[in-house]
């Protein structure tokens, strides 16, 4: 029997990530010590107190039934309380303004299916996290990439989008602080987004998974802080990065209930929600954060300073990001992102991700993850210096 995948599956982009993973495995088999700065997952465990909360939660017999696919009331209220504490944004869980997810990617992957019919246009950032484009392909929509360029502070320039595209667009996906470009957005940018969305009836979905990994006193804005934002959009967030809980898979979406409802309908047909013990853990995490804000960002700020300062001294010039667990680094002239990443891996055993893995406007950059301890980052710098690449 001949097995033929759908054309939608063929459009999903994983080739570069798979190739880098396979090259890494081959080098490990040869006995080469790999320093992996390509992954986008926290490398540290959660706070021991949170681990204790989970242990106690899984001992409760009542958590083993089917959970509500909408999320339990205690966790939804904790999300609302945290949004009020952190951003001054009012969220009403009793009126459908919160939906619990198995991580923010769960919601982002399914969102387009709730609004996009075949051929409908979706505005996505380029470079951008791959699930944004992937979700549109799975829904049968048409992508319109919004270039994120350094000269525009990696913010999309809406004046360059043709009016006929804006008139046909149904959804816009944004992400600040951004993966992979590590950019941040001021509140006046979000105000501009709200005005554009109202003018052209475009739904806005903002991914804010890195809201709590920010440095040097900077505090990222929620899209929902902009006046009128809840009329046009929703915001995704996650406990994966902020609380080192990537493996337990818990996140949420907040905002306009009419926009959340189609996503909720999709979720109700494909799964039964997040394990109740995980929701108990997540509730405690947010409640504790209100009482004593977590300090995870300090680890990444120290790593950022060591890595960026060290590489700059070698002649690999890059800016220090204000947020996220990544550095978006321009590569030397004469290289493609792919060739540079391969050369770096082969010569030094250091893994980075070619920028074009995130879209055509990622060419000329690599994404470096701040996902190793200081000692390993210093070793990576030493290997790069010895390689002669710079």
Protein backbone atom coordinates (compact mmCIF):
# COMPACT_ATOMS: atom_id res chain seq x y z
CA UNK A 1 0.00 0.00 0.00
CA UNK A 2 1.27 3.46 -0.89
CA UNK A 3 1.13 5.91 2.01
CA UNK A 4 0.69 9.53 0.92
CA UNK A 5 0.72 12.25 3.60
CA UNK A 6 -1.54 15.25 3.13
CA UNK A 7 -0.18 18.34 1.44
CA UNK A 8 -0.77 20.23 4.69
CA UNK A 9 1.63 17.92 6.52
CA UNK A 10 4.24 18.42 3.83
CA UNK A 11 4.23 22.18 4.52
CA UNK A 12 5.20 21.80 8.17
CA UNK A 13 8.79 22.92 8.72
CA UNK A 14 10.97 20.61 10.78
CA UNK A 15 13.75 19.74 8.35
CA UNK A 16 16.46 22.01 9.75
CA UNK A 17 15.68 21.14 13.35
CA UNK A 18 15.74 17.43 12.50
CA UNK A 19 19.01 17.76 10.60
CA UNK A 20 20.70 19.61 13.46
CA UNK A 21 19.48 16.97 15.92
CA UNK A 22 20.79 14.15 13.71
CA UNK A 23 24.17 15.83 13.24
CA UNK A 24 24.39 16.29 16.98
CA UNK A 25 23.68 12.57 17.55
CA UNK A 26 26.32 11.56 14.99
CA UNK A 27 28.96 13.67 16.70
CA UNK A 28 28.03 12.30 20.12
CA UNK A 29 28.48 8.75 18.75
CA UNK A 30 32.00 9.78 17.70
CA UNK A 31 32.74 10.79 21.27
CA UNK A 32 32.51 14.57 20.74
CA UNK A 33 31.25 16.60 23.68
CA UNK A 34 28.30 18.70 22.50
CA UNK A 35 27.26 22.01 24.02
CA UNK A 36 23.66 22.35 22.88
CA UNK A 37 22.57 25.98 22.65
CA UNK A 38 19.91 25.15 20.08
CA UNK A 39 17.10 23.95 22.31
CA UNK A 40 14.34 26.26 23.52
CA UNK A 41 13.54 24.57 26.81
CA UNK A 42 14.57 25.49 30.36
CA UNK A 43 17.47 23.37 31.59
CA UNK A 44 16.84 23.88 35.32
CA UNK A 45 14.33 22.11 37.59
CA UNK A 46 11.36 23.87 39.16
CA UNK A 47 11.50 25.40 42.61
CA UNK A 48 11.60 22.50 45.16
CA UNK A 49 8.45 23.89 46.80
CA UNK A 50 6.56 23.51 43.52
CA UNK A 51 7.76 19.93 43.20
CA UNK A 52 6.39 19.28 46.69
CA UNK A 53 3.05 20.78 45.62
CA UNK A 54 2.86 18.39 42.69
CA UNK A 55 3.77 15.41 44.84
CA UNK A 56 0.97 16.23 47.26
CA UNK A 57 -1.47 16.85 44.42
CA UNK A 58 -0.90 13.47 42.76
CA UNK A 59 -1.68 11.75 46.08
CA UNK A 60 -5.28 12.98 45.91
CA UNK A 61 -7.60 10.26 44.52
CA UNK A 62 -10.02 12.82 43.09
CA UNK A 63 -7.50 14.15 40.54
CA UNK A 64 -7.63 11.00 38.40
CA UNK A 65 -10.99 11.58 36.80
CA UNK A 66 -11.48 13.46 33.55
CA UNK A 67 -10.67 17.14 34.14
CA UNK A 68 -12.77 19.96 32.76
CA UNK A 69 -11.44 20.87 29.32
CA UNK A 70 -12.01 24.53 30.24
CA UNK A 71 -9.83 24.31 33.35
CA UNK A 72 -10.78 24.20 37.03
CA UNK A 73 -12.21 27.28 38.68
CA UNK A 74 -9.34 27.72 41.15
CA UNK A 75 -6.68 27.82 38.43
CA UNK A 76 -8.72 30.15 36.20
CA UNK A 77 -9.20 32.53 39.11
CA UNK A 78 -5.48 32.38 39.89
CA UNK A 79 -4.75 33.33 36.27
CA UNK A 80 -7.12 36.30 36.53
CA UNK A 81 -5.61 37.39 39.83
CA UNK A 82 -2.10 37.14 38.39
CA UNK A 83 -3.03 39.21 35.33
CA UNK A 84 -4.44 41.90 37.59
CA UNK A 85 -1.31 41.81 39.76
CA UNK A 86 1.19 41.70 36.91
CA UNK A 87 -0.39 43.88 34.22
CA UNK A 88 -3.36 45.63 35.82
CA UNK A 89 -5.61 43.81 33.34
CA UNK A 90 -9.03 42.59 34.44
CA UNK A 91 -9.96 39.08 33.32
CA UNK A 92 -13.35 37.51 34.09
CA UNK A 93 -13.13 33.70 34.25
CA UNK A 94 -16.88 33.38 34.84
CA UNK A 95 -17.60 34.86 31.40
CA UNK A 96 -15.29 32.69 29.31
CA UNK A 97 -12.25 34.97 29.32
CA UNK A 98 -9.87 32.17 30.39
CA UNK A 99 -9.17 28.78 28.83
CA UNK A 100 -6.60 26.38 30.28
CA UNK A 101 -4.29 24.68 27.77
CA UNK A 102 -1.64 21.97 27.63
CA UNK A 103 0.97 24.66 27.16
CA UNK A 104 0.53 27.75 25.02
CA UNK A 105 1.61 25.85 21.90
CA UNK A 106 -1.45 23.65 22.30
CA UNK A 107 -3.71 26.65 21.84
CA UNK A 108 -1.61 28.31 19.15
CA UNK A 109 -1.56 25.10 17.12
CA UNK A 110 -5.36 24.84 17.09
CA UNK A 111 -6.44 28.47 17.03
CA UNK A 112 -6.44 28.96 13.27
CA UNK A 113 -8.79 26.01 12.82
CA UNK A 114 -11.44 27.95 14.72
CA UNK A 115 -11.39 30.92 12.33
CA UNK A 116 -9.59 30.13 9.10
CA UNK A 117 -11.22 28.54 6.09
CA UNK A 118 -9.37 27.43 2.97
CA UNK A 119 -7.48 30.35 1.49
CA UNK A 120 -8.15 32.85 4.29
CA UNK A 121 -5.17 35.11 4.99
CA UNK A 122 -3.28 35.06 8.29
CA UNK A 123 -0.58 37.62 9.10
CA UNK A 124 2.41 35.95 10.78
CA UNK A 125 5.81 37.26 11.93
CA UNK A 126 8.87 36.33 9.88
CA UNK A 127 11.08 35.20 11.53
CA UNK A 128 8.63 33.55 13.87
CA UNK A 129 8.11 30.49 16.02
CA UNK A 130 7.32 27.65 13.57
CA UNK A 131 3.93 26.73 15.05
CA UNK A 132 2.48 30.05 13.87
CA UNK A 133 2.93 29.11 10.22
CA UNK A 134 2.28 25.45 10.92
CA UNK A 135 -1.10 26.17 12.47
CA UNK A 136 -2.16 28.13 9.39
CA UNK A 137 -1.06 25.35 7.05
CA UNK A 138 -3.02 22.79 9.09
CA UNK A 139 -6.12 24.99 8.87
CA UNK A 140 -5.75 25.41 5.11
CA UNK A 141 -5.11 29.14 5.34
CA UNK A 142 -2.79 31.39 3.36
CA UNK A 143 0.25 32.91 5.06
CA UNK A 144 1.20 36.54 4.69
CA UNK A 145 4.63 36.94 6.35
CA UNK A 146 5.31 40.22 8.15
CA UNK A 147 9.09 40.87 7.98
CA UNK A 148 10.75 41.57 11.32
CA UNK A 149 13.78 43.70 10.47
CA UNK A 150 16.47 45.13 12.70
CA UNK A 151 15.96 48.63 11.31
CA UNK A 152 12.36 48.47 12.60
CA UNK A 153 13.39 47.08 16.02
CA UNK A 154 12.02 43.74 14.80
CA UNK A 155 8.45 45.09 14.81
CA UNK A 156 6.25 44.61 11.71
CA UNK A 157 5.76 47.68 9.53
CA UNK A 158 2.03 47.68 8.85
CA UNK A 159 2.37 50.45 6.27
CA UNK A 160 4.08 47.96 3.96
CA UNK A 161 1.16 45.51 4.00
CA UNK A 162 -1.08 46.04 0.95
CA UNK A 163 -4.56 47.29 1.77
CA UNK A 164 -6.16 44.40 -0.13
CA UNK A 165 -4.26 41.95 2.11
CA UNK A 166 -5.43 43.69 5.27
CA UNK A 167 -9.01 43.67 4.00
CA UNK A 168 -8.86 39.88 3.50
CA UNK A 169 -6.88 39.00 6.64
CA UNK A 170 -8.82 37.21 9.38
CA UNK A 171 -6.09 36.71 11.96
CA UNK A 172 -2.80 38.29 13.03
CA UNK A 173 -0.30 36.42 15.21
CA UNK A 174 2.23 38.39 17.26
CA UNK A 175 4.87 37.38 19.80
CA UNK A 176 6.63 39.74 22.23
CA UNK A 177 9.04 39.17 23.89
CA UNK A 178 9.85 37.33 20.70
CA UNK A 179 11.17 33.92 19.80
CA UNK A 180 13.54 33.84 17.95
CA UNK A 181 14.50 37.51 17.59
CA UNK A 182 14.32 38.35 21.34
CA UNK A 183 12.66 41.70 20.57
CA UNK A 184 10.22 43.51 22.86
CA UNK A 185 7.25 45.71 22.01
CA UNK A 186 6.29 49.07 23.55
CA UNK A 187 2.70 49.73 24.54
CA UNK A 188 2.23 52.26 21.72
CA UNK A 189 2.96 49.47 19.22
CA UNK A 190 0.17 47.39 20.74
CA UNK A 191 -2.09 50.43 20.55
CA UNK A 192 -1.31 50.63 16.83
CA UNK A 193 -2.18 46.94 16.49
CA UNK A 194 -5.56 47.51 18.17
CA UNK A 195 -6.39 50.38 15.82
CA UNK A 196 -5.43 48.32 12.76
CA UNK A 197 -7.43 45.32 13.97
CA UNK A 198 -10.53 47.44 14.50
CA UNK A 199 -10.18 49.11 11.11
CA UNK A 200 -9.93 45.84 9.19
CA UNK A 201 -11.76 43.39 11.51
CA UNK A 202 -8.66 41.31 12.18
CA UNK A 203 -8.46 39.01 15.20
CA UNK A 204 -5.20 39.41 17.14
CA UNK A 205 -3.50 36.51 18.92
CA UNK A 206 -0.51 37.50 21.02
CA UNK A 207 1.92 34.87 22.31
CA UNK A 208 3.57 36.04 25.55
CA UNK A 209 5.30 32.88 26.74
CA UNK A 210 8.44 34.83 27.73
CA UNK A 211 6.70 37.56 29.73
CA UNK A 212 8.69 36.87 32.91
CA UNK A 213 12.15 36.36 31.41
CA UNK A 214 13.20 40.00 31.11
CA UNK A 215 16.36 41.78 32.18
CA UNK A 216 17.89 44.99 33.52
CA UNK A 217 14.65 46.06 35.18
CA UNK A 218 12.60 45.92 31.97
CA UNK A 219 9.05 44.58 32.35
CA UNK A 220 7.28 43.51 29.14
CA UNK A 221 3.77 44.79 28.43
CA UNK A 222 0.77 42.58 27.91
CA UNK A 223 -1.06 43.20 24.64
CA UNK A 224 -4.22 43.39 26.73
CA UNK A 225 -2.89 46.51 28.48
CA UNK A 226 -3.57 48.48 25.28
CA UNK A 227 -6.90 50.29 25.29
CA UNK A 228 -9.50 48.27 23.41
CA UNK A 229 -7.26 45.19 23.08
CA UNK A 230 -9.78 42.83 24.61
CA UNK A 231 -12.29 43.87 21.94
CA UNK A 232 -10.07 42.44 19.19
CA UNK A 233 -7.76 39.89 20.69
CA UNK A 234 -6.48 37.25 23.03
CA UNK A 235 -3.17 36.48 24.69
CA UNK A 236 -1.43 33.15 25.27
CA UNK A 237 0.91 32.53 28.18
CA UNK A 238 2.59 29.56 29.77
CA UNK A 239 4.24 28.40 32.97
CA UNK A 240 6.89 26.50 31.02
CA UNK A 241 9.60 29.15 30.91
CA UNK A 242 8.75 31.33 33.91
CA UNK A 243 8.56 28.44 36.38
CA UNK A 244 10.70 25.76 34.65
CA UNK A 245 7.61 23.61 34.13
CA UNK A 246 7.98 22.85 30.41
CA UNK A 247 7.44 19.11 30.86
CA UNK A 248 4.15 19.26 32.75
CA UNK A 249 2.43 21.07 29.84
CA UNK A 250 0.29 23.82 31.28
CA UNK A 251 -0.59 27.21 29.85
CA UNK A 252 -3.63 29.31 29.10
CA UNK A 253 -5.25 31.91 26.88
CA UNK A 254 -7.04 35.01 28.15
CA UNK A 255 -9.00 37.85 26.58
CA UNK A 256 -12.03 38.14 24.33
CA UNK A 257 -14.49 35.36 25.19
CA UNK A 258 -15.99 35.26 21.68
CA UNK A 259 -12.52 34.61 20.24
CA UNK A 260 -11.66 32.02 22.88
CA UNK A 261 -14.94 30.12 22.41
CA UNK A 262 -14.16 28.52 19.00
CA UNK A 263 -10.80 27.35 20.36
CA UNK A 264 -12.62 25.91 23.37
CA UNK A 265 -15.00 24.05 21.04
CA UNK A 266 -12.07 22.54 19.15
CA UNK A 267 -10.35 21.53 22.39
CA UNK A 268 -13.54 19.94 23.71
CA UNK A 269 -13.55 17.62 20.71
CA UNK A 270 -9.92 16.50 20.82
CA UNK A 271 -8.91 16.17 24.49
CA UNK A 272 -10.12 16.30 28.09
CA UNK A 273 -7.98 19.12 29.42
CA UNK A 274 -5.00 19.36 31.74
CA UNK A 275 -4.41 16.79 34.50
CA UNK A 276 -5.98 18.15 37.70
CA UNK A 277 -2.79 17.68 39.73
CA UNK A 278 -0.93 19.88 37.26
CA UNK A 279 -3.63 22.55 37.57
CA UNK A 280 -3.26 22.46 41.35
CA UNK A 281 0.50 22.92 40.92
CA UNK A 282 -0.01 25.79 38.45
CA UNK A 283 -2.49 27.49 40.78
CA UNK A 284 0.05 27.44 43.61
CA UNK A 285 2.79 28.72 41.30
CA UNK A 286 0.81 31.81 40.31
CA UNK A 287 -0.40 32.45 43.85
CA UNK A 288 3.15 32.24 45.19
CA UNK A 289 4.37 34.53 42.42
CA UNK A 290 1.96 37.24 43.55
CA UNK A 291 3.26 36.95 47.11
CA UNK A 292 6.93 36.66 46.14
CA UNK A 293 7.73 37.09 42.42
CA UNK A 294 9.94 34.32 41.07
CA UNK A 295 13.54 35.11 40.20
CA UNK A 296 14.17 32.78 37.25
CA UNK A 297 15.09 35.72 35.05
CA UNK A 298 18.25 36.37 37.08
CA UNK A 299 19.80 33.11 35.88
CA UNK A 300 19.20 34.00 32.23
CA UNK A 301 20.40 37.58 32.69
CA UNK A 302 23.71 36.35 34.09
CA UNK A 303 24.05 33.84 31.27
CA UNK A 304 23.22 36.50 28.70
CA UNK A 305 25.92 38.80 30.03
CA UNK A 306 28.58 36.07 30.07
CA UNK A 307 27.76 34.82 26.58
CA UNK A 308 27.24 38.12 24.78
CA UNK A 309 30.20 39.85 26.43
CA UNK A 310 32.43 36.89 25.67
CA UNK A 311 31.41 36.57 22.03
CA UNK A 312 31.63 40.33 21.47
CA UNK A 313 35.22 40.22 22.71
CA UNK A 314 35.97 37.60 20.04
CA UNK A 315 34.64 39.91 17.35
CA UNK A 316 31.23 38.26 17.00
CA UNK A 317 29.16 41.40 17.49
CA UNK A 318 25.62 41.16 18.84
CA UNK A 319 23.27 43.13 21.06
CA UNK A 320 22.11 42.10 24.50
CA UNK A 321 18.41 41.18 24.42
CA UNK A 322 16.03 42.72 26.91
CA UNK A 323 14.10 39.46 27.33
CA UNK A 324 13.68 35.74 26.48
CA UNK A 325 16.13 32.87 26.81
CA UNK A 326 17.67 33.52 23.39
CA UNK A 327 20.22 35.69 21.66
CA UNK A 328 19.52 36.60 18.02
CA UNK A 329 23.01 36.86 16.61
CA UNK A 330 23.99 38.22 13.16
CA UNK A 331 26.53 36.00 11.43
CA UNK A 332 29.69 37.17 9.64
CA UNK A 333 29.42 38.27 6.03
CA UNK A 334 30.07 35.59 3.45
CA UNK A 335 28.12 32.88 5.24
CA UNK A 336 24.58 31.59 5.04
CA UNK A 337 22.88 30.86 8.35
CA UNK A 338 22.80 27.16 7.55
CA UNK A 339 26.47 26.87 6.56
CA UNK A 340 27.57 28.91 9.56
CA UNK A 341 25.59 26.73 12.01
CA UNK A 342 26.98 23.54 10.45
CA UNK A 343 30.54 24.86 10.48
CA UNK A 344 30.19 25.94 14.09
CA UNK A 345 28.87 22.53 15.10
CA UNK A 346 31.54 20.59 13.20
CA UNK A 347 34.44 22.71 14.45
CA UNK A 348 33.36 23.40 18.02
CA UNK A 349 30.59 20.99 19.01
CA UNK A 350 28.36 23.99 19.79
CA UNK A 351 24.79 23.76 18.52
CA UNK A 352 22.90 26.88 17.38
CA UNK A 353 19.86 27.10 15.09
CA UNK A 354 20.09 28.71 11.63
CA UNK A 355 17.90 31.79 11.45
CA UNK A 356 16.16 30.72 8.26
CA UNK A 357 14.56 27.86 10.21
CA UNK A 358 12.15 30.54 11.43
CA UNK A 359 11.40 32.17 8.06
CA UNK A 360 13.20 33.67 5.09
CA UNK A 361 13.89 36.91 6.96
CA UNK A 362 15.86 34.93 9.52
CA UNK A 363 18.65 34.48 6.99
CA UNK A 364 21.82 36.16 8.20
CA UNK A 365 21.26 35.22 11.85
CA UNK A 366 21.44 32.28 14.23
CA UNK A 367 19.45 31.72 17.41
CA UNK A 368 21.53 30.94 20.49
CA UNK A 369 19.80 29.53 23.56
CA UNK A 370 20.85 30.58 27.06
CA UNK A 371 20.16 27.03 28.19
CA UNK A 372 23.48 25.91 29.70
CA UNK A 373 25.19 26.76 32.95
CA UNK A 374 27.81 29.52 33.05
CA UNK A 375 30.70 27.05 33.01
CA UNK A 376 29.47 25.49 29.78
CA UNK A 377 28.83 28.88 28.17
CA UNK A 378 32.40 29.94 28.94
CA UNK A 379 33.64 26.69 27.43
CA UNK A 380 31.57 27.35 24.30
CA UNK A 381 33.21 30.78 24.00
CA UNK A 382 36.66 29.22 24.36
CA UNK A 383 35.91 26.63 21.68
CA UNK A 384 34.65 29.28 19.27
CA UNK A 385 37.77 31.36 19.89
CA UNK A 386 40.01 28.34 19.21
CA UNK A 387 38.11 27.41 16.05
CA UNK A 388 39.46 30.36 14.08
CA UNK A 389 36.00 31.21 12.71
CA UNK A 390 36.45 34.73 14.12
